[in-house]
Amino acid sequence: MAGITDKEVRALIAKAKREGRTATQADGFIPGLTLTASKAGTASWVVRYRTAGKQKEVISQTMSALKGI
C-alpha cells in the first residue's frame, strides 16, 4: 500500500506536538506531496512543484488536531 495512512497522519501530529516543532513526511506515492504537522497539533498537505525554474508550493486548508491524540 502506498501513501500515508491515517495511523501515520495521527503519529506525525503526535510527534510534532511531543517534540514541539514542525514535522513533515513525504507521501511516497505522489511526487512533491508531503504532510506537514505543526507543534500546535494541526496538519496540512503541501504540494511542491517547479515552474519556469522556480520552486512553488500549494498548501491545503489546515486540518485541526484529530480527536483522541
N, C-alpha and C. Protein backbone atom coordinates (compact mmCIF):
# COMPACT_ATOMS: atom_id res chain seq x y z
N MET A 1 0.84 -1.18 0.00
CA MET A 1 0.00 0.00 0.00
C MET A 1 0.88 1.25 0.00
N ALA A 2 0.61 2.15 -0.89
CA ALA A 2 1.41 3.37 -0.99
C ALA A 2 0.66 4.54 -0.36
N GLY A 3 1.38 5.58 -0.07
CA GLY A 3 0.78 6.76 0.50
C GLY A 3 0.82 6.75 2.02
N ILE A 4 0.34 7.84 2.60
CA ILE A 4 0.33 7.99 4.05
C ILE A 4 -1.01 7.49 4.59
N THR A 5 -0.96 6.64 5.58
CA THR A 5 -2.18 6.09 6.18
C THR A 5 -2.69 7.00 7.30
N ASP A 6 -3.91 6.76 7.72
CA ASP A 6 -4.50 7.52 8.82
C ASP A 6 -3.65 7.37 10.08
N LYS A 7 -3.17 6.18 10.33
CA LYS A 7 -2.33 5.91 11.50
C LYS A 7 -1.05 6.75 11.45
N GLU A 8 -0.45 6.87 10.26
CA GLU A 8 0.77 7.66 10.09
C GLU A 8 0.51 9.16 10.28
N VAL A 9 -0.67 9.63 9.82
CA VAL A 9 -1.04 11.03 10.00
C VAL A 9 -1.14 11.35 11.49
N ARG A 10 -1.85 10.50 12.22
CA ARG A 10 -2.02 10.70 13.66
C ARG A 10 -0.67 10.66 14.38
N ALA A 11 0.20 9.73 13.98
CA ALA A 11 1.52 9.62 14.60
C ALA A 11 2.37 10.85 14.32
N LEU A 12 2.29 11.40 13.11
CA LEU A 12 3.07 12.59 12.75
C LEU A 12 2.61 13.80 13.56
N ILE A 13 1.29 13.96 13.72
CA ILE A 13 0.76 15.07 14.51
C ILE A 13 1.20 14.93 15.97
N ALA A 14 1.11 13.72 16.50
CA ALA A 14 1.53 13.47 17.88
C ALA A 14 3.02 13.75 18.06
N LYS A 15 3.83 13.37 17.07
CA LYS A 15 5.28 13.61 17.14
C LYS A 15 5.58 15.10 17.16
N ALA A 16 4.90 15.87 16.30
CA ALA A 16 5.12 17.31 16.24
C ALA A 16 4.75 17.97 17.57
N LYS A 17 3.63 17.55 18.15
CA LYS A 17 3.21 18.11 19.44
C LYS A 17 4.19 17.74 20.54
N ARG A 18 4.62 16.47 20.56
CA ARG A 18 5.53 15.97 21.59
C ARG A 18 6.89 16.67 21.53
N GLU A 19 7.43 16.84 20.31
CA GLU A 19 8.76 17.43 20.13
C GLU A 19 8.72 18.96 20.12
N GLY A 20 7.53 19.54 20.00
CA GLY A 20 7.41 21.00 20.00
C GLY A 20 7.97 21.66 18.75
N ARG A 21 7.94 20.94 17.63
CA ARG A 21 8.42 21.53 16.37
C ARG A 21 7.67 20.91 15.19
N THR A 22 7.77 21.55 14.04
CA THR A 22 7.12 21.06 12.84
C THR A 22 7.71 19.73 12.38
N ALA A 23 6.85 18.83 11.94
CA ALA A 23 7.29 17.54 11.42
C ALA A 23 6.68 17.35 10.03
N THR A 24 7.44 16.76 9.12
CA THR A 24 6.93 16.51 7.77
C THR A 24 7.18 15.06 7.37
N GLN A 25 6.34 14.57 6.46
CA GLN A 25 6.51 13.23 5.93
C GLN A 25 6.08 13.23 4.47
N ALA A 26 6.94 12.71 3.61
CA ALA A 26 6.63 12.61 2.19
C ALA A 26 5.61 11.51 1.96
N ASP A 27 4.75 11.70 0.98
CA ASP A 27 3.71 10.73 0.67
C ASP A 27 4.31 9.43 0.14
N GLY A 28 5.31 9.52 -0.69
CA GLY A 28 5.93 8.31 -1.24
C GLY A 28 5.22 7.75 -2.45
N PHE A 29 4.05 8.27 -2.77
CA PHE A 29 3.30 7.79 -3.92
C PHE A 29 3.15 8.89 -4.96
N ILE A 30 2.89 10.10 -4.49
CA ILE A 30 2.73 11.25 -5.38
C ILE A 30 3.94 12.16 -5.20
N PRO A 31 4.75 12.33 -6.24
CA PRO A 31 5.95 13.19 -6.11
C PRO A 31 5.59 14.62 -5.69
N GLY A 32 6.32 15.13 -4.71
CA GLY A 32 6.12 16.50 -4.26
C GLY A 32 5.06 16.68 -3.18
N LEU A 33 4.31 15.62 -2.86
CA LEU A 33 3.26 15.72 -1.85
C LEU A 33 3.80 15.34 -0.48
N THR A 34 3.65 16.25 0.48
CA THR A 34 4.08 15.98 1.85
C THR A 34 2.99 16.40 2.82
N LEU A 35 3.01 15.79 3.99
CA LEU A 35 2.13 16.18 5.07
C LEU A 35 2.98 16.91 6.09
N THR A 36 2.56 18.11 6.48
CA THR A 36 3.29 18.90 7.44
C THR A 36 2.42 19.08 8.68
N ALA A 37 2.96 18.69 9.85
CA ALA A 37 2.25 18.83 11.12
C ALA A 37 2.95 19.87 11.97
N SER A 38 2.17 20.75 12.59
CA SER A 38 2.74 21.81 13.43
C SER A 38 2.75 21.40 14.89
N LYS A 39 3.52 22.11 15.67
CA LYS A 39 3.59 21.83 17.11
C LYS A 39 2.27 22.14 17.80
N ALA A 40 1.40 22.90 17.14
CA ALA A 40 0.08 23.23 17.70
C ALA A 40 -0.92 22.10 17.50
N GLY A 41 -0.53 21.08 16.74
CA GLY A 41 -1.41 19.94 16.52
C GLY A 41 -2.27 20.03 15.27
N THR A 42 -1.90 20.89 14.33
CA THR A 42 -2.62 20.98 13.06
C THR A 42 -1.76 20.37 11.95
N ALA A 43 -2.40 19.96 10.88
CA ALA A 43 -1.68 19.36 9.76
C ALA A 43 -2.20 19.92 8.44
N SER A 44 -1.31 20.00 7.45
CA SER A 44 -1.66 20.48 6.12
C SER A 44 -0.96 19.62 5.08
N TRP A 45 -1.63 19.41 3.96
CA TRP A 45 -0.99 18.76 2.82
C TRP A 45 -0.31 19.84 2.01
N VAL A 46 0.92 19.61 1.58
CA VAL A 46 1.68 20.57 0.79
C VAL A 46 2.15 19.89 -0.49
N VAL A 47 1.91 20.53 -1.63
CA VAL A 47 2.39 20.04 -2.91
C VAL A 47 3.45 21.02 -3.40
N ARG A 48 4.66 20.50 -3.62
CA ARG A 48 5.76 21.33 -4.12
C ARG A 48 6.01 20.97 -5.58
N TYR A 49 6.23 22.00 -6.40
CA TYR A 49 6.48 21.78 -7.82
C TYR A 49 7.36 22.88 -8.36
N ARG A 50 7.85 22.71 -9.56
CA ARG A 50 8.69 23.72 -10.22
C ARG A 50 8.02 24.16 -11.51
N THR A 51 8.10 25.47 -11.73
CA THR A 51 7.62 26.03 -12.98
C THR A 51 8.54 27.18 -13.33
N ALA A 52 8.98 27.23 -14.56
CA ALA A 52 9.92 28.25 -15.04
C ALA A 52 11.16 28.30 -14.16
N GLY A 53 11.59 27.15 -13.67
CA GLY A 53 12.80 27.07 -12.87
C GLY A 53 12.68 27.53 -11.42
N LYS A 54 11.47 27.89 -11.01
CA LYS A 54 11.26 28.35 -9.64
C LYS A 54 10.41 27.34 -8.87
N GLN A 55 10.81 27.10 -7.61
CA GLN A 55 10.03 26.19 -6.77
C GLN A 55 8.81 26.92 -6.22
N LYS A 56 7.67 26.26 -6.29
CA LYS A 56 6.42 26.81 -5.78
C LYS A 56 5.78 25.75 -4.90
N GLU A 57 4.80 26.16 -4.11
CA GLU A 57 4.07 25.18 -3.32
C GLU A 57 2.62 25.62 -3.14
N VAL A 58 1.77 24.63 -3.01
CA VAL A 58 0.35 24.84 -2.76
C VAL A 58 0.05 24.13 -1.45
N ILE A 59 -0.58 24.86 -0.52
CA ILE A 59 -0.89 24.31 0.79
C ILE A 59 -2.40 24.16 0.92
N SER A 60 -2.84 22.97 1.33
CA SER A 60 -4.26 22.74 1.52
C SER A 60 -4.74 23.43 2.79
N GLN A 61 -6.02 23.46 2.98
CA GLN A 61 -6.58 24.02 4.20
C GLN A 61 -6.06 23.22 5.39
N THR A 62 -5.73 23.88 6.47
CA THR A 62 -5.18 23.24 7.66
C THR A 62 -6.26 22.41 8.33
N MET A 63 -5.87 21.19 8.72
CA MET A 63 -6.77 20.32 9.45
C MET A 63 -6.54 20.53 10.94
N SER A 64 -7.61 20.61 11.72
CA SER A 64 -7.48 20.76 13.17
C SER A 64 -6.94 19.46 13.77
N ALA A 65 -6.50 19.55 15.01
CA ALA A 65 -6.00 18.37 15.71
C ALA A 65 -7.07 17.29 15.71
N LEU A 66 -6.65 16.07 15.48
CA LEU A 66 -7.58 14.95 15.45
C LEU A 66 -7.92 14.54 16.88
N LYS A 67 -9.15 14.17 17.09
CA LYS A 67 -9.58 13.75 18.43
C LYS A 67 -8.90 12.44 18.79
N GLY A 68 -8.60 12.29 20.05
CA GLY A 68 -8.02 11.04 20.52
C GLY A 68 -6.51 10.97 20.45
N ILE A 69 -5.86 12.08 20.10
CA ILE A 69 -4.38 12.05 20.04
C ILE A 69 -3.85 12.62 21.32
